[in-house]
Amino acid sequence: MSVKGYIKEMVDALSKVPGVHDIIRLSGSYDLAIVAHVKECKDIMNIHKRIASFPHIKRMESSLAQAFPSWPPRRTTITTF
């Protein structure tokens, strides 16, 4: 399968996972990053197990973050530099 086909297949599969909010194409060590919104820690493990079962998954890395009530937070500048 071509890289383009593999990425499309993965995006289609990831978009069906409950809780997945954003799917981002990357360059570097990983091909994709996902952002998932969860209410409980067990939801993180459920998402992780489901994604780990997908074909073509060789490596995964997880990070946790607390979402702000609104983004960007007040008086925060977002820049591309």
N, C-alpha and C. Protein backbone atom coordinates (compact mmCIF):
# COMPACT_ATOMS: atom_id res chain seq x y z
N MET A 1 0.84 -1.18 0.00
CA MET A 1 0.00 0.00 0.00
C MET A 1 0.88 1.24 0.00
N SER A 2 0.51 2.23 -0.76
CA SER A 2 1.28 3.46 -0.81
C SER A 2 1.11 4.22 0.49
N VAL A 3 2.04 5.13 0.76
CA VAL A 3 1.96 5.95 1.97
C VAL A 3 0.66 6.75 1.96
N LYS A 4 0.28 7.27 0.81
CA LYS A 4 -0.95 8.05 0.71
C LYS A 4 -2.16 7.18 1.08
N GLY A 5 -2.22 5.95 0.60
CA GLY A 5 -3.31 5.04 0.92
C GLY A 5 -3.31 4.65 2.38
N TYR A 6 -2.13 4.42 2.93
CA TYR A 6 -2.00 4.06 4.34
C TYR A 6 -2.50 5.20 5.23
N ILE A 7 -2.11 6.42 4.93
CA ILE A 7 -2.53 7.57 5.74
C ILE A 7 -4.05 7.75 5.64
N LYS A 8 -4.59 7.65 4.45
CA LYS A 8 -6.04 7.80 4.28
C LYS A 8 -6.78 6.72 5.07
N GLU A 9 -6.29 5.49 5.00
CA GLU A 9 -6.90 4.39 5.74
C GLU A 9 -6.87 4.66 7.25
N MET A 10 -5.73 5.14 7.75
CA MET A 10 -5.60 5.42 9.17
C MET A 10 -6.50 6.58 9.60
N VAL A 11 -6.56 7.63 8.80
CA VAL A 11 -7.42 8.78 9.14
C VAL A 11 -8.88 8.34 9.17
N ASP A 12 -9.29 7.54 8.20
CA ASP A 12 -10.67 7.04 8.19
C ASP A 12 -10.96 6.22 9.44
N ALA A 13 -10.05 5.34 9.83
CA ALA A 13 -10.25 4.49 11.02
C ALA A 13 -10.23 5.32 12.29
N LEU A 14 -9.28 6.25 12.40
CA LEU A 14 -9.18 7.08 13.60
C LEU A 14 -10.39 7.98 13.78
N SER A 15 -10.95 8.45 12.68
CA SER A 15 -12.09 9.36 12.77
C SER A 15 -13.33 8.66 13.34
N LYS A 16 -13.33 7.35 13.37
CA LYS A 16 -14.46 6.59 13.90
C LYS A 16 -14.29 6.22 15.38
N VAL A 17 -13.15 6.54 15.96
CA VAL A 17 -12.90 6.22 17.37
C VAL A 17 -13.60 7.27 18.24
N PRO A 18 -14.50 6.84 19.13
CA PRO A 18 -15.17 7.80 20.00
C PRO A 18 -14.16 8.58 20.84
N GLY A 19 -14.32 9.88 20.88
CA GLY A 19 -13.42 10.74 21.65
C GLY A 19 -12.36 11.42 20.82
N VAL A 20 -12.03 10.88 19.65
CA VAL A 20 -11.00 11.50 18.81
C VAL A 20 -11.55 12.81 18.26
N HIS A 21 -10.81 13.87 18.50
CA HIS A 21 -11.27 15.22 18.14
C HIS A 21 -10.52 15.77 16.94
N ASP A 22 -9.20 15.59 16.91
CA ASP A 22 -8.36 16.09 15.82
C ASP A 22 -7.40 15.00 15.37
N ILE A 23 -7.12 14.99 14.07
CA ILE A 23 -6.11 14.09 13.48
C ILE A 23 -5.18 14.98 12.68
N ILE A 24 -3.89 14.90 12.98
CA ILE A 24 -2.91 15.82 12.42
C ILE A 24 -1.81 15.03 11.72
N ARG A 25 -1.52 15.37 10.48
CA ARG A 25 -0.42 14.73 9.72
C ARG A 25 0.89 15.36 10.16
N LEU A 26 1.88 14.54 10.45
CA LEU A 26 3.18 15.01 10.93
C LEU A 26 4.30 14.61 9.99
N SER A 27 5.42 15.30 10.13
CA SER A 27 6.66 14.82 9.52
C SER A 27 7.59 14.49 10.68
N GLY A 28 8.48 13.56 10.49
CA GLY A 28 9.38 13.19 11.57
C GLY A 28 9.18 11.75 12.00
N SER A 29 9.31 11.49 13.28
CA SER A 29 9.28 10.12 13.81
C SER A 29 7.91 9.46 13.73
N TYR A 30 6.86 10.26 13.75
CA TYR A 30 5.50 9.73 13.69
C TYR A 30 4.77 10.30 12.49
N ASP A 31 3.82 9.53 11.95
CA ASP A 31 3.05 9.97 10.79
C ASP A 31 1.84 10.81 11.17
N LEU A 32 1.22 10.46 12.29
CA LEU A 32 -0.02 11.14 12.70
C LEU A 32 0.01 11.44 14.18
N ALA A 33 -0.70 12.50 14.55
CA ALA A 33 -0.98 12.80 15.96
C ALA A 33 -2.49 12.93 16.08
N ILE A 34 -3.01 12.46 17.19
CA ILE A 34 -4.44 12.64 17.41
C ILE A 34 -4.65 13.36 18.73
N VAL A 35 -5.74 14.08 18.79
CA VAL A 35 -6.18 14.72 20.03
C VAL A 35 -7.51 14.09 20.37
N ALA A 36 -7.61 13.56 21.56
CA ALA A 36 -8.86 12.95 22.01
C ALA A 36 -9.31 13.67 23.28
N HIS A 37 -10.60 13.88 23.38
CA HIS A 37 -11.18 14.48 24.58
C HIS A 37 -11.85 13.37 25.38
N VAL A 38 -11.46 13.24 26.64
CA VAL A 38 -12.01 12.18 27.48
C VAL A 38 -12.47 12.77 28.81
N LYS A 39 -13.37 12.04 29.46
CA LYS A 39 -13.85 12.45 30.79
C LYS A 39 -13.14 11.70 31.90
N GLU A 40 -12.77 10.45 31.64
CA GLU A 40 -12.17 9.61 32.68
C GLU A 40 -10.91 8.93 32.15
N CYS A 41 -10.03 8.57 33.07
CA CYS A 41 -8.78 7.91 32.69
C CYS A 41 -9.02 6.61 31.94
N LYS A 42 -10.05 5.86 32.32
CA LYS A 42 -10.31 4.60 31.63
C LYS A 42 -10.60 4.83 30.14
N ASP A 43 -11.13 5.99 29.80
CA ASP A 43 -11.39 6.31 28.39
C ASP A 43 -10.09 6.39 27.59
N ILE A 44 -9.03 6.87 28.23
CA ILE A 44 -7.73 6.95 27.56
C ILE A 44 -7.25 5.55 27.19
N MET A 45 -7.37 4.63 28.14
CA MET A 45 -6.92 3.26 27.88
C MET A 45 -7.76 2.60 26.80
N ASN A 46 -9.06 2.87 26.78
CA ASN A 46 -9.91 2.30 25.73
C ASN A 46 -9.51 2.80 24.35
N ILE A 47 -9.24 4.09 24.24
CA ILE A 47 -8.79 4.66 22.96
C ILE A 47 -7.45 4.06 22.57
N HIS A 48 -6.53 3.97 23.52
CA HIS A 48 -5.19 3.44 23.26
C HIS A 48 -5.27 2.00 22.76
N LYS A 49 -6.07 1.17 23.43
CA LYS A 49 -6.20 -0.24 23.02
C LYS A 49 -6.81 -0.36 21.62
N ARG A 50 -7.80 0.46 21.35
CA ARG A 50 -8.45 0.39 20.04
C ARG A 50 -7.48 0.79 18.93
N ILE A 51 -6.75 1.86 19.12
CA ILE A 51 -5.80 2.31 18.10
C ILE A 51 -4.67 1.31 17.95
N ALA A 52 -4.20 0.73 19.04
CA ALA A 52 -3.11 -0.26 18.98
C ALA A 52 -3.50 -1.49 18.17
N SER A 53 -4.80 -1.75 18.05
CA SER A 53 -5.25 -2.92 17.28
C SER A 53 -5.32 -2.66 15.78
N PHE A 54 -5.15 -1.41 15.35
CA PHE A 54 -5.22 -1.09 13.92
C PHE A 54 -4.01 -1.65 13.19
N PRO A 55 -4.21 -2.05 11.93
CA PRO A 55 -3.05 -2.47 11.13
C PRO A 55 -2.15 -1.25 10.88
N HIS A 56 -0.90 -1.48 10.65
CA HIS A 56 0.10 -0.45 10.34
C HIS A 56 0.59 0.29 11.58
N ILE A 57 0.03 0.06 12.76
CA ILE A 57 0.50 0.74 13.97
C ILE A 57 1.75 0.02 14.45
N LYS A 58 2.86 0.74 14.45
CA LYS A 58 4.12 0.16 14.91
C LYS A 58 4.53 0.72 16.26
N ARG A 59 4.22 2.00 16.49
CA ARG A 59 4.61 2.68 17.72
C ARG A 59 3.56 3.70 18.09
N MET A 60 3.35 3.86 19.39
CA MET A 60 2.44 4.88 19.88
C MET A 60 3.07 5.56 21.08
N GLU A 61 2.77 6.81 21.24
CA GLU A 61 3.21 7.57 22.41
C GLU A 61 2.03 8.40 22.88
N SER A 62 1.82 8.41 24.18
CA SER A 62 0.68 9.14 24.73
C SER A 62 1.16 10.25 25.65
N SER A 63 0.44 11.35 25.64
CA SER A 63 0.68 12.46 26.55
C SER A 63 -0.66 12.94 27.07
N LEU A 64 -0.66 13.48 28.26
CA LEU A 64 -1.89 14.00 28.85
C LEU A 64 -1.77 15.51 29.00
N ALA A 65 -2.89 16.18 28.86
CA ALA A 65 -2.92 17.63 29.05
C ALA A 65 -4.30 18.01 29.55
N GLN A 66 -4.34 19.07 30.31
CA GLN A 66 -5.62 19.60 30.77
C GLN A 66 -6.04 20.69 29.81
N ALA A 67 -7.27 20.61 29.35
CA ALA A 67 -7.78 21.62 28.43
C ALA A 67 -8.21 22.85 29.19
N PHE A 68 -7.96 24.00 28.61
CA PHE A 68 -8.45 25.25 29.16
C PHE A 68 -9.92 25.40 28.79
N PRO A 69 -10.70 26.13 29.59
CA PRO A 69 -12.11 26.33 29.25
C PRO A 69 -12.31 26.96 27.87
N SER A 70 -11.40 27.82 27.48
CA SER A 70 -11.45 28.40 26.14
C SER A 70 -10.03 28.48 25.62
N TRP A 71 -9.88 28.40 24.33
CA TRP A 71 -8.54 28.46 23.74
C TRP A 71 -8.54 29.48 22.65
N PRO A 72 -7.61 30.37 22.53
CA PRO A 72 -6.50 30.55 23.47
C PRO A 72 -6.96 31.22 24.75
N PRO A 73 -6.25 30.95 25.85
CA PRO A 73 -6.60 31.63 27.10
C PRO A 73 -6.46 33.14 26.92
N ARG A 74 -7.14 33.91 27.72
CA ARG A 74 -7.07 35.37 27.62
C ARG A 74 -5.63 35.86 27.67
N ARG A 75 -5.37 36.88 26.89
CA ARG A 75 -4.06 37.56 26.83
C ARG A 75 -2.91 36.62 26.46
N THR A 76 -3.22 35.58 25.73
CA THR A 76 -2.18 34.68 25.22
C THR A 76 -2.09 34.88 23.72
N THR A 77 -0.90 35.09 23.25
CA THR A 77 -0.67 35.28 21.82
C THR A 77 -0.20 33.96 21.23
N ILE A 78 -0.80 33.59 20.13
CA ILE A 78 -0.36 32.41 19.40
C ILE A 78 0.35 32.90 18.14
N THR A 79 1.55 32.43 17.92
CA THR A 79 2.34 32.87 16.78
C THR A 79 2.89 31.66 16.04
N THR A 80 3.25 31.85 14.81
CA THR A 80 3.85 30.78 14.02
C THR A 80 5.37 30.89 14.00
N PHE A 81 5.92 31.83 14.74
CA PHE A 81 7.37 32.02 14.75
C PHE A 81 7.99 31.33 15.92
